[in-house]
Amino acid sequence: MKATVTGGPSLEDRVREALELIRPAIQMDGGDIRLESVRDGRVTVSLLGTCETCPLTPVTLRHGVERLLKERVPEVTEVVAIEA
């Protein structure tokens, strides 16, 4: 399922733009986030730096990253993190 508007930004570009909105908050705590892939509404990211060992990473992922992405990019259905 390709969700692009003719002449508009691609789904991946819109996900990247949305991630840039949350990146400063993650970086303030010594972490970072990297987009790995976007497939069929599923966004895969790597959480880096202090996020790799932080016990609150699942909360950040669900209530921060996933919530923001779903609000900004309605095609997003799920956000999962992989180990970097």
PDB file of N, CA and C in Angstrom:
ATOM      1  N   MET A   1       0.850  -1.176   0.000  1.00  0.00           N
ATOM      2  CA  MET A   1       0.000   0.000   0.000  1.00  0.00           C
ATOM      3  C   MET A   1       0.891   1.233   0.000  1.00  0.00           C
ATOM      4  N   LYS A   2       0.947   1.926  -1.081  1.00  0.00           N
ATOM      5  CA  LYS A   2       1.701   3.166  -1.187  1.00  0.00           C
ATOM      6  C   LYS A   2       0.749   4.323  -0.945  1.00  0.00           C
ATOM      7  N   ALA A   3       1.063   5.117   0.052  1.00  0.00           N
ATOM      8  CA  ALA A   3       0.179   6.225   0.396  1.00  0.00           C
ATOM      9  C   ALA A   3       0.864   7.546   0.081  1.00  0.00           C
ATOM     10  N   THR A   4       0.873   7.901  -1.176  1.00  0.00           N
ATOM     11  CA  THR A   4       1.443   9.186  -1.556  1.00  0.00           C
ATOM     12  C   THR A   4       0.413   9.971  -2.335  1.00  0.00           C
ATOM     13  N   VAL A   5       0.462  11.244  -2.158  1.00  0.00           N
ATOM     14  CA  VAL A   5      -0.399  12.139  -2.903  1.00  0.00           C
ATOM     15  C   VAL A   5       0.406  12.602  -4.107  1.00  0.00           C
ATOM     16  N   THR A   6      -0.196  12.579  -5.269  1.00  0.00           N
ATOM     17  CA  THR A   6       0.510  12.977  -6.471  1.00  0.00           C
ATOM     18  C   THR A   6       1.130  14.360  -6.273  1.00  0.00           C
ATOM     19  N   GLY A   7       2.427  14.423  -6.447  1.00  0.00           N
ATOM     20  CA  GLY A   7       3.135  15.683  -6.303  1.00  0.00           C
ATOM     21  C   GLY A   7       3.443  16.056  -4.862  1.00  0.00           C
ATOM     22  N   GLY A   8       2.918  15.329  -3.892  1.00  0.00           N
ATOM     23  CA  GLY A   8       3.155  15.629  -2.478  1.00  0.00           C
ATOM     24  C   GLY A   8       4.286  14.788  -1.923  1.00  0.00           C
ATOM     25  N   PRO A   9       4.644  15.061  -0.676  1.00  0.00           N
ATOM     26  CA  PRO A   9       5.723  14.284  -0.056  1.00  0.00           C
ATOM     27  C   PRO A   9       5.306  12.829   0.133  1.00  0.00           C
ATOM     28  N   SER A  10       6.273  11.938   0.059  1.00  0.00           N
ATOM     29  CA  SER A  10       6.003  10.512   0.242  1.00  0.00           C
ATOM     30  C   SER A  10       5.679  10.232   1.706  1.00  0.00           C
ATOM     31  N   LEU A  11       5.151   9.053   1.963  1.00  0.00           N
ATOM     32  CA  LEU A  11       4.846   8.636   3.329  1.00  0.00           C
ATOM     33  C   LEU A  11       6.120   8.668   4.171  1.00  0.00           C
ATOM     34  N   GLU A  12       7.201   8.154   3.635  1.00  0.00           N
ATOM     35  CA  GLU A  12       8.456   8.152   4.380  1.00  0.00           C
ATOM     36  C   GLU A  12       8.922   9.570   4.689  1.00  0.00           C
ATOM     37  N   ASP A  13       8.791  10.479   3.737  1.00  0.00           N
ATOM     38  CA  ASP A  13       9.180  11.874   3.979  1.00  0.00           C
ATOM     39  C   ASP A  13       8.342  12.496   5.084  1.00  0.00           C
ATOM     40  N   ARG A  14       7.043  12.201   5.091  1.00  0.00           N
ATOM     41  CA  ARG A  14       6.174  12.761   6.132  1.00  0.00           C
ATOM     42  C   ARG A  14       6.499  12.173   7.498  1.00  0.00           C
ATOM     43  N   VAL A  15       6.876  10.899   7.544  1.00  0.00           N
ATOM     44  CA  VAL A  15       7.292  10.285   8.804  1.00  0.00           C
ATOM     45  C   VAL A  15       8.580  10.942   9.277  1.00  0.00           C
ATOM     46  N   ARG A  16       9.531  11.139   8.374  1.00  0.00           N
ATOM     47  CA  ARG A  16      10.798  11.793   8.740  1.00  0.00           C
ATOM     48  C   ARG A  16      10.553  13.203   9.308  1.00  0.00           C
ATOM     49  N   GLU A  17       9.671  13.954   8.668  1.00  0.00           N
ATOM     50  CA  GLU A  17       9.354  15.301   9.146  1.00  0.00           C
ATOM     51  C   GLU A  17       8.758  15.260  10.546  1.00  0.00           C
ATOM     52  N   ALA A  18       7.865  14.318  10.794  1.00  0.00           N
ATOM     53  CA  ALA A  18       7.244  14.200  12.110  1.00  0.00           C
ATOM     54  C   ALA A  18       8.274  13.793  13.170  1.00  0.00           C
ATOM     55  N   LEU A  19       9.192  12.901  12.812  1.00  0.00           N
ATOM     56  CA  LEU A  19      10.225  12.492  13.759  1.00  0.00           C
ATOM     57  C   LEU A  19      11.111  13.669  14.155  1.00  0.00           C
ATOM     58  N   GLU A  20      11.320  14.587  13.226  1.00  0.00           N
ATOM     59  CA  GLU A  20      12.135  15.764  13.534  1.00  0.00           C
ATOM     60  C   GLU A  20      11.496  16.633  14.620  1.00  0.00           C
ATOM     61  N   LEU A  21      10.185  16.539  14.778  1.00  0.00           N
ATOM     62  CA  LEU A  21       9.504  17.305  15.821  1.00  0.00           C
ATOM     63  C   LEU A  21       9.783  16.749  17.216  1.00  0.00           C
ATOM     64  N   ILE A  22       9.951  15.450  17.321  1.00  0.00           N
ATOM     65  CA  ILE A  22      10.177  14.830  18.626  1.00  0.00           C
ATOM     66  C   ILE A  22      11.658  14.627  18.935  1.00  0.00           C
ATOM     67  N   ARG A  23      12.489  14.646  17.905  1.00  0.00           N
ATOM     68  CA  ARG A  23      13.932  14.415  18.082  1.00  0.00           C
ATOM     69  C   ARG A  23      14.571  15.337  19.127  1.00  0.00           C
ATOM     70  N   PRO A  24      14.301  16.642  19.164  1.00  0.00           N
ATOM     71  CA  PRO A  24      14.961  17.496  20.166  1.00  0.00           C
ATOM     72  C   PRO A  24      14.683  17.053  21.608  1.00  0.00           C
ATOM     73  N   ALA A  25      13.475  16.600  21.902  1.00  0.00           N
ATOM     74  CA  ALA A  25      13.160  16.143  23.256  1.00  0.00           C
ATOM     75  C   ALA A  25      13.959  14.887  23.599  1.00  0.00           C
ATOM     76  N   ILE A  26      14.101  13.995  22.636  1.00  0.00           N
ATOM     77  CA  ILE A  26      14.866  12.767  22.864  1.00  0.00           C
ATOM     78  C   ILE A  26      16.346  13.101  23.032  1.00  0.00           C
ATOM     79  N   GLN A  27      16.842  14.032  22.225  1.00  0.00           N
ATOM     80  CA  GLN A  27      18.257  14.409  22.297  1.00  0.00           C
ATOM     81  C   GLN A  27      18.586  15.137  23.599  1.00  0.00           C
ATOM     82  N   MET A  28      17.620  15.849  24.167  1.00  0.00           N
ATOM     83  CA  MET A  28      17.859  16.550  25.440  1.00  0.00           C
ATOM     84  C   MET A  28      18.206  15.574  26.554  1.00  0.00           C
ATOM     85  N   ASP A  29      17.722  14.342  26.438  1.00  0.00           N
ATOM     86  CA  ASP A  29      18.012  13.328  27.448  1.00  0.00           C
ATOM     87  C   ASP A  29      19.180  12.427  27.046  1.00  0.00           C
ATOM     88  N   GLY A  30      19.921  12.823  26.012  1.00  0.00           N
ATOM     89  CA  GLY A  30      21.105  12.081  25.611  1.00  0.00           C
ATOM     90  C   GLY A  30      20.850  10.944  24.637  1.00  0.00           C
ATOM     91  N   GLY A  31      19.652  10.891  24.080  1.00  0.00           N
ATOM     92  CA  GLY A  31      19.322   9.838  23.127  1.00  0.00           C
ATOM     93  C   GLY A  31      19.148  10.384  21.727  1.00  0.00           C
ATOM     94  N   ASP A  32      18.693   9.528  20.851  1.00  0.00           N
ATOM     95  CA  ASP A  32      18.370   9.934  19.489  1.00  0.00           C
ATOM     96  C   ASP A  32      17.489   8.855  18.881  1.00  0.00           C
ATOM     97  N   ILE A  33      16.937   9.156  17.726  1.00  0.00           N
ATOM     98  CA  ILE A  33      16.061   8.217  17.033  1.00  0.00           C
ATOM     99  C   ILE A  33      16.429   8.221  15.556  1.00  0.00           C
ATOM    100  N   ARG A  34      16.443   7.033  14.960  1.00  0.00           N
ATOM    101  CA  ARG A  34      16.772   6.917  13.542  1.00  0.00           C
ATOM    102  C   ARG A  34      15.674   6.093  12.861  1.00  0.00           C
ATOM    103  N   LEU A  35      15.159   6.604  11.763  1.00  0.00           N
ATOM    104  CA  LEU A  35      14.159   5.890  10.989  1.00  0.00           C
ATOM    105  C   LEU A  35      14.849   4.777  10.212  1.00  0.00           C
ATOM    106  N   GLU A  36      14.332   3.564  10.353  1.00  0.00           N
ATOM    107  CA  GLU A  36      14.876   2.417   9.641  1.00  0.00           C
ATOM    108  C   GLU A  36      14.041   2.079   8.412  1.00  0.00           C
ATOM    109  N   SER A  37      12.704   2.046   8.584  1.00  0.00           N
ATOM    110  CA  SER A  37      11.851   1.706   7.447  1.00  0.00           C
ATOM    111  C   SER A  37      10.413   2.123   7.710  1.00  0.00           C
ATOM    112  N   VAL A  38       9.676   2.229   6.604  1.00  0.00           N
ATOM    113  CA  VAL A  38       8.232   2.469   6.647  1.00  0.00           C
ATOM    114  C   VAL A  38       7.627   1.497   5.638  1.00  0.00           C
ATOM    115  N   ARG A  39       6.810   0.561   6.152  1.00  0.00           N
ATOM    116  CA  ARG A  39       6.190  -0.448   5.275  1.00  0.00           C
ATOM    117  C   ARG A  39       4.771  -0.715   5.734  1.00  0.00           C
ATOM    118  N   ASP A  40       3.828  -0.518   4.842  1.00  0.00           N
ATOM    119  CA  ASP A  40       2.422  -0.829   5.110  1.00  0.00           C
ATOM    120  C   ASP A  40       1.928  -0.231   6.421  1.00  0.00           C
ATOM    121  N   GLY A  41       2.315   0.991   6.703  1.00  0.00           N
ATOM    122  CA  GLY A  41       1.872   1.674   7.912  1.00  0.00           C
ATOM    123  C   GLY A  41       2.701   1.379   9.141  1.00  0.00           C
ATOM    124  N   ARG A  42       3.617   0.445   9.044  1.00  0.00           N
ATOM    125  CA  ARG A  42       4.483   0.093  10.171  1.00  0.00           C
ATOM    126  C   ARG A  42       5.805   0.847  10.054  1.00  0.00           C
ATOM    127  N   VAL A  43       6.113   1.609  11.090  1.00  0.00           N
ATOM    128  CA  VAL A  43       7.342   2.403  11.127  1.00  0.00           C
ATOM    129  C   VAL A  43       8.322   1.698  12.059  1.00  0.00           C
ATOM    130  N   THR A  44       9.515   1.451  11.558  1.00  0.00           N
ATOM    131  CA  THR A  44      10.556   0.827  12.361  1.00  0.00           C
ATOM    132  C   THR A  44      11.644   1.860  12.612  1.00  0.00           C
ATOM    133  N   VAL A  45      12.024   2.010  13.884  1.00  0.00           N
ATOM    134  CA  VAL A  45      13.038   2.977  14.284  1.00  0.00           C
ATOM    135  C   VAL A  45      14.091   2.293  15.139  1.00  0.00           C
ATOM    136  N   SER A  46      15.226   2.945  15.246  1.00  0.00           N
ATOM    137  CA  SER A  46      16.251   2.566  16.210  1.00  0.00           C
ATOM    138  C   SER A  46      16.342   3.703  17.211  1.00  0.00           C
ATOM    139  N   LEU A  47      16.360   3.360  18.481  1.00  0.00           N
ATOM    140  CA  LEU A  47      16.566   4.350  19.535  1.00  0.00           C
ATOM    141  C   LEU A  47      18.018   4.242  19.960  1.00  0.00           C
ATOM    142  N   LEU A  48      18.694   5.369  19.995  1.00  0.00           N
ATOM    143  CA  LEU A  48      20.139   5.402  20.171  1.00  0.00           C
ATOM    144  C   LEU A  48      20.539   6.137  21.445  1.00  0.00           C
ATOM    145  N   GLY A  49      21.811   6.057  21.775  1.00  0.00           N
ATOM    146  CA  GLY A  49      22.339   6.769  22.940  1.00  0.00           C
ATOM    147  C   GLY A  49      21.740   6.236  24.230  1.00  0.00           C
ATOM    148  N   THR A  50      21.376   7.133  25.127  1.00  0.00           N
ATOM    149  CA  THR A  50      20.840   6.705  26.413  1.00  0.00           C
ATOM    150  C   THR A  50      19.513   5.966  26.268  1.00  0.00           C
ATOM    151  N   CYS A  51      18.838   6.133  25.149  1.00  0.00           N
ATOM    152  CA  CYS A  51      17.566   5.426  24.926  1.00  0.00           C
ATOM    153  C   CYS A  51      17.758   3.917  24.831  1.00  0.00           C
ATOM    154  N   GLU A  52      18.954   3.492  24.457  1.00  0.00           N
ATOM    155  CA  GLU A  52      19.207   2.059  24.293  1.00  0.00           C
ATOM    156  C   GLU A  52      19.078   1.289  25.602  1.00  0.00           C
ATOM    157  N   THR A  53      19.379   1.935  26.718  1.00  0.00           N
ATOM    158  CA  THR A  53      19.359   1.242  28.005  1.00  0.00           C
ATOM    159  C   THR A  53      18.325   1.812  28.978  1.00  0.00           C
ATOM    160  N   CYS A  54      17.589   2.810  28.574  1.00  0.00           N
ATOM    161  CA  CYS A  54      16.633   3.471  29.461  1.00  0.00           C
ATOM    162  C   CYS A  54      15.393   2.597  29.678  1.00  0.00           C
ATOM    163  N   PRO A  55      14.988   2.413  30.930  1.00  0.00           N
ATOM    164  CA  PRO A  55      13.786   1.616  31.196  1.00  0.00           C
ATOM    165  C   PRO A  55      12.495   2.301  30.737  1.00  0.00           C
ATOM    166  N   LEU A  56      12.544   3.585  30.452  1.00  0.00           N
ATOM    167  CA  LEU A  56      11.350   4.310  29.999  1.00  0.00           C
ATOM    168  C   LEU A  56      11.200   4.338  28.484  1.00  0.00           C
ATOM    169  N   THR A  57      12.115   3.700  27.774  1.00  0.00           N
ATOM    170  CA  THR A  57      12.054   3.690  26.317  1.00  0.00           C
ATOM    171  C   THR A  57      10.719   3.184  25.772  1.00  0.00           C
ATOM    172  N   PRO A  58      10.141   2.105  26.298  1.00  0.00           N
ATOM    173  CA  PRO A  58       8.839   1.672  25.771  1.00  0.00           C
ATOM    174  C   PRO A  58       7.742   2.728  25.934  1.00  0.00           C
ATOM    175  N   VAL A  59       7.792   3.473  27.023  1.00  0.00           N
ATOM    176  CA  VAL A  59       6.811   4.545  27.250  1.00  0.00           C
ATOM    177  C   VAL A  59       7.035   5.671  26.243  1.00  0.00           C
ATOM    178  N   THR A  60       8.288   6.048  26.059  1.00  0.00           N
ATOM    179  CA  THR A  60       8.612   7.088  25.075  1.00  0.00           C
ATOM    180  C   THR A  60       8.158   6.665  23.685  1.00  0.00           C
ATOM    181  N   LEU A  61       8.385   5.421  23.354  1.00  0.00           N
ATOM    182  CA  LEU A  61       8.032   4.923  22.032  1.00  0.00           C
ATOM    183  C   LEU A  61       6.519   4.973  21.817  1.00  0.00           C
ATOM    184  N   ARG A  62       5.746   4.462  22.747  1.00  0.00           N
ATOM    185  CA  ARG A  62       4.286   4.385  22.576  1.00  0.00           C
ATOM    186  C   ARG A  62       3.585   5.727  22.769  1.00  0.00           C
ATOM    187  N   HIS A  63       3.908   6.395  23.877  1.00  0.00           N
ATOM    188  CA  HIS A  63       3.151   7.603  24.234  1.00  0.00           C
ATOM    189  C   HIS A  63       3.766   8.880  23.668  1.00  0.00           C
ATOM    190  N   GLY A  64       4.941   8.780  23.139  1.00  0.00           N
ATOM    191  CA  GLY A  64       5.573   9.937  22.522  1.00  0.00           C
ATOM    192  C   GLY A  64       5.659   9.782  21.019  1.00  0.00           C
ATOM    193  N   VAL A  65       6.549   8.905  20.591  1.00  0.00           N
ATOM    194  CA  VAL A  65       6.835   8.738  19.168  1.00  0.00           C
ATOM    195  C   VAL A  65       5.612   8.230  18.396  1.00  0.00           C
ATOM    196  N   GLU A  66       5.030   7.122  18.834  1.00  0.00           N
ATOM    197  CA  GLU A  66       3.902   6.547  18.097  1.00  0.00           C
ATOM    198  C   GLU A  66       2.695   7.486  18.082  1.00  0.00           C
ATOM    199  N   ARG A  67       2.399   8.097  19.217  1.00  0.00           N
ATOM    200  CA  ARG A  67       1.261   9.015  19.278  1.00  0.00           C
ATOM    201  C   ARG A  67       1.443  10.184  18.305  1.00  0.00           C
ATOM    202  N   LEU A  68       2.622  10.785  18.316  1.00  0.00           N
ATOM    203  CA  LEU A  68       2.890  11.917  17.425  1.00  0.00           C
ATOM    204  C   LEU A  68       2.810  11.505  15.965  1.00  0.00           C
ATOM    205  N   LEU A  69       3.415  10.370  15.640  1.00  0.00           N
ATOM    206  CA  LEU A  69       3.391   9.927  14.244  1.00  0.00           C
ATOM    207  C   LEU A  69       1.970   9.645  13.773  1.00  0.00           C
ATOM    208  N   LYS A  70       1.164   9.003  14.593  1.00  0.00           N
ATOM    209  CA  LYS A  70      -0.216   8.714  14.204  1.00  0.00           C
ATOM    210  C   LYS A  70      -1.034   9.992  14.030  1.00  0.00           C
ATOM    211  N   GLU A  71      -0.758  10.997  14.851  1.00  0.00           N
ATOM    212  CA  GLU A  71      -1.459  12.282  14.722  1.00  0.00           C
ATOM    213  C   GLU A  71      -1.056  12.997  13.436  1.00  0.00           C
ATOM    214  N   ARG A  72       0.229  13.003  13.130  1.00  0.00           N
ATOM    215  CA  ARG A  72       0.757  13.754  11.984  1.00  0.00           C
ATOM    216  C   ARG A  72       0.657  13.001  10.661  1.00  0.00           C
ATOM    217  N   VAL A  73       0.712  11.682  10.733  1.00  0.00           N
ATOM    218  CA  VAL A  73       0.717  10.847   9.526  1.00  0.00           C
ATOM    219  C   VAL A  73      -0.306   9.728   9.746  1.00  0.00           C
ATOM    220  N   PRO A  74      -1.562   9.957   9.380  1.00  0.00           N
ATOM    221  CA  PRO A  74      -2.629   8.998   9.684  1.00  0.00           C
ATOM    222  C   PRO A  74      -2.411   7.589   9.131  1.00  0.00           C
ATOM    223  N   GLU A  75      -1.587   7.436   8.119  1.00  0.00           N
ATOM    224  CA  GLU A  75      -1.331   6.103   7.561  1.00  0.00           C
ATOM    225  C   GLU A  75      -0.508   5.217   8.497  1.00  0.00           C
ATOM    226  N   VAL A  76       0.139   5.814   9.492  1.00  0.00           N
ATOM    227  CA  VAL A  76       0.949   5.055  10.430  1.00  0.00           C
ATOM    228  C   VAL A  76       0.023   4.259  11.352  1.00  0.00           C
ATOM    229  N   THR A  77       0.266   2.953  11.425  1.00  0.00           N
ATOM    230  CA  THR A  77      -0.547   2.091  12.273  1.00  0.00           C
ATOM    231  C   THR A  77       0.215   1.575  13.489  1.00  0.00           C
ATOM    232  N   GLU A  78       1.552   1.564  13.398  1.00  0.00           N
ATOM    233  CA  GLU A  78       2.356   0.980  14.465  1.00  0.00           C
ATOM    234  C   GLU A  78       3.782   1.513  14.365  1.00  0.00           C
ATOM    235  N   VAL A  79       4.430   1.648  15.523  1.00  0.00           N
ATOM    236  CA  VAL A  79       5.836   2.026  15.564  1.00  0.00           C
ATOM    237  C   VAL A  79       6.543   0.986  16.417  1.00  0.00           C
ATOM    238  N   VAL A  80       7.596   0.402  15.867  1.00  0.00           N
ATOM    239  CA  VAL A  80       8.387  -0.587  16.591  1.00  0.00           C
ATOM    240  C   VAL A  80       9.848  -0.161  16.589  1.00  0.00           C
ATOM    241  N   ALA A  81      10.532  -0.528  17.651  1.00  0.00           N
ATOM    242  CA  ALA A  81      11.955  -0.220  17.765  1.00  0.00           C
ATOM    243  C   ALA A  81      12.763  -1.498  17.616  1.00  0.00           C
ATOM    244  N   ILE A  82      13.883  -1.373  16.923  1.00  0.00           N
ATOM    245  CA  ILE A  82      14.832  -2.480  16.823  1.00  0.00           C
ATOM    246  C   ILE A  82      16.107  -2.063  17.512  1.00  0.00           C
ATOM    247  N   GLU A  83      16.899  -3.030  17.901  1.00  0.00           N
ATOM    248  CA  GLU A  83      18.181  -2.712  18.509  1.00  0.00           C
ATOM    249  C   GLU A  83      19.127  -2.218  17.445  1.00  0.00           C
ATOM    250  N   ALA A  84      19.804  -1.135  17.767  1.00  0.00           N
ATOM    251  CA  ALA A  84      20.732  -0.524  16.802  1.00  0.00           C
ATOM    252  C   ALA A  84      21.966  -1.362  16.604  1.00  0.00           C
TER     253      ALA A  84
END
